[in-house]
Amino acid sequence: MRLFLVAITLVLIIDQLMPVNRQPAFLSQSSLRPMLSWAGAQGIKSLPPDVTAYIDRLKRQYRL
């Protein structure tokens, strides 16, 4: 279970903060990526709006 949560967190960070052209090849070719991305997206939806606004602000600030 812990490994699954770590994997979801890793995919979530990469999905949210890294542009598609800079994402690691091992992740783009992963067969588990769609499931992990879905789980991460569900987690983002459950966050308070101020947290998601902060993530968006970081993306704009660092041009990610």
C-alpha atoms as a PDB file:
ATOM      1  CA  MET A   1       0.000   0.000   0.000  1.00  0.00           C
ATOM      2  CA  ARG A   2       2.808   2.432   0.834  1.00  0.00           C
ATOM      3  CA  LEU A   3       4.509   1.772  -2.464  1.00  0.00           C
ATOM      4  CA  PHE A   4       1.255   2.461  -4.294  1.00  0.00           C
ATOM      5  CA  LEU A   5       0.843   5.799  -2.470  1.00  0.00           C
ATOM      6  CA  VAL A   6       4.430   6.779  -3.255  1.00  0.00           C
ATOM      7  CA  ALA A   7       3.897   5.890  -6.919  1.00  0.00           C
ATOM      8  CA  ILE A   8       0.707   7.967  -7.069  1.00  0.00           C
ATOM      9  CA  THR A   9       2.522  10.907  -5.484  1.00  0.00           C
ATOM     10  CA  LEU A  10       5.406  10.628  -7.951  1.00  0.00           C
ATOM     11  CA  VAL A  11       3.078  10.506 -10.959  1.00  0.00           C
ATOM     12  CA  LEU A  12       0.991  13.347  -9.557  1.00  0.00           C
ATOM     13  CA  ILE A  13       4.028  15.585  -9.140  1.00  0.00           C
ATOM     14  CA  ILE A  14       5.271  14.798 -12.622  1.00  0.00           C
ATOM     15  CA  ASP A  15       1.811  15.292 -14.162  1.00  0.00           C
ATOM     16  CA  GLN A  16       1.216  18.598 -12.412  1.00  0.00           C
ATOM     17  CA  LEU A  17       4.632  20.221 -12.526  1.00  0.00           C
ATOM     18  CA  MET A  18       6.562  18.897 -15.510  1.00  0.00           C
ATOM     19  CA  PRO A  19       5.784  19.691 -19.137  1.00  0.00           C
ATOM     20  CA  VAL A  20       4.969  16.665 -21.283  1.00  0.00           C
ATOM     21  CA  ASN A  21       8.157  16.971 -23.349  1.00  0.00           C
ATOM     22  CA  ARG A  22      10.356  16.848 -20.213  1.00  0.00           C
ATOM     23  CA  GLN A  23       8.770  13.857 -18.492  1.00  0.00           C
ATOM     24  CA  PRO A  24      10.955  10.770 -17.971  1.00  0.00           C
ATOM     25  CA  ALA A  25      10.733   8.028 -20.590  1.00  0.00           C
ATOM     26  CA  PHE A  26      10.266   5.252 -18.026  1.00  0.00           C
ATOM     27  CA  LEU A  27       7.048   6.894 -16.881  1.00  0.00           C
ATOM     28  CA  SER A  28       5.640   7.657 -20.306  1.00  0.00           C
ATOM     29  CA  GLN A  29       6.017   3.996 -21.292  1.00  0.00           C
ATOM     30  CA  SER A  30       4.548   2.629 -18.068  1.00  0.00           C
ATOM     31  CA  SER A  31       1.428   0.501 -18.300  1.00  0.00           C
ATOM     32  CA  LEU A  32       0.377   1.623 -14.809  1.00  0.00           C
ATOM     33  CA  ARG A  33       0.573   5.325 -15.644  1.00  0.00           C
ATOM     34  CA  PRO A  34      -3.099   5.777 -16.635  1.00  0.00           C
ATOM     35  CA  MET A  35      -4.307   4.228 -13.387  1.00  0.00           C
ATOM     36  CA  LEU A  36      -1.844   6.226 -11.278  1.00  0.00           C
ATOM     37  CA  SER A  37      -2.704   9.445 -13.122  1.00  0.00           C
ATOM     38  CA  TRP A  38      -6.393   8.831 -12.528  1.00  0.00           C
ATOM     39  CA  ALA A  39      -5.818   8.247  -8.813  1.00  0.00           C
ATOM     40  CA  GLY A  40      -3.721  11.412  -8.611  1.00  0.00           C
ATOM     41  CA  ALA A  41      -6.389  13.441 -10.411  1.00  0.00           C
ATOM     42  CA  GLN A  42      -8.992  12.204  -7.940  1.00  0.00           C
ATOM     43  CA  GLY A  43      -6.713  13.281  -5.109  1.00  0.00           C
ATOM     44  CA  ILE A  44      -6.282  16.757  -6.625  1.00  0.00           C
ATOM     45  CA  LYS A  45     -10.060  17.105  -6.902  1.00  0.00           C
ATOM     46  CA  SER A  46     -10.399  16.411  -3.186  1.00  0.00           C
ATOM     47  CA  LEU A  47      -7.929  19.150  -2.177  1.00  0.00           C
ATOM     48  CA  PRO A  48      -9.183  22.520  -0.944  1.00  0.00           C
ATOM     49  CA  PRO A  49      -9.314  25.247  -3.634  1.00  0.00           C
ATOM     50  CA  ASP A  50      -6.504  27.253  -2.042  1.00  0.00           C
ATOM     51  CA  VAL A  51      -4.075  24.345  -2.427  1.00  0.00           C
ATOM     52  CA  THR A  52      -4.884  23.887  -6.113  1.00  0.00           C
ATOM     53  CA  ALA A  53      -4.557  27.664  -6.596  1.00  0.00           C
ATOM     54  CA  TYR A  54      -1.119  27.488  -4.973  1.00  0.00           C
ATOM     55  CA  ILE A  55      -0.061  24.699  -7.362  1.00  0.00           C
ATOM     56  CA  ASP A  56      -1.270  26.761 -10.333  1.00  0.00           C
ATOM     57  CA  ARG A  57       0.624  29.790  -9.021  1.00  0.00           C
ATOM     58  CA  LEU A  58       3.826  27.720  -8.771  1.00  0.00           C
ATOM     59  CA  LYS A  59       3.363  26.545 -12.346  1.00  0.00           C
ATOM     60  CA  ARG A  60       3.004  30.134 -13.579  1.00  0.00           C
ATOM     61  CA  GLN A  61       5.846  31.442 -11.430  1.00  0.00           C
ATOM     62  CA  TYR A  62       8.351  28.838 -12.588  1.00  0.00           C
ATOM     63  CA  ARG A  63       6.874  28.583 -16.099  1.00  0.00           C
ATOM     64  CA  LEU A  64       6.214  24.860 -15.811  1.00  0.00           C
END
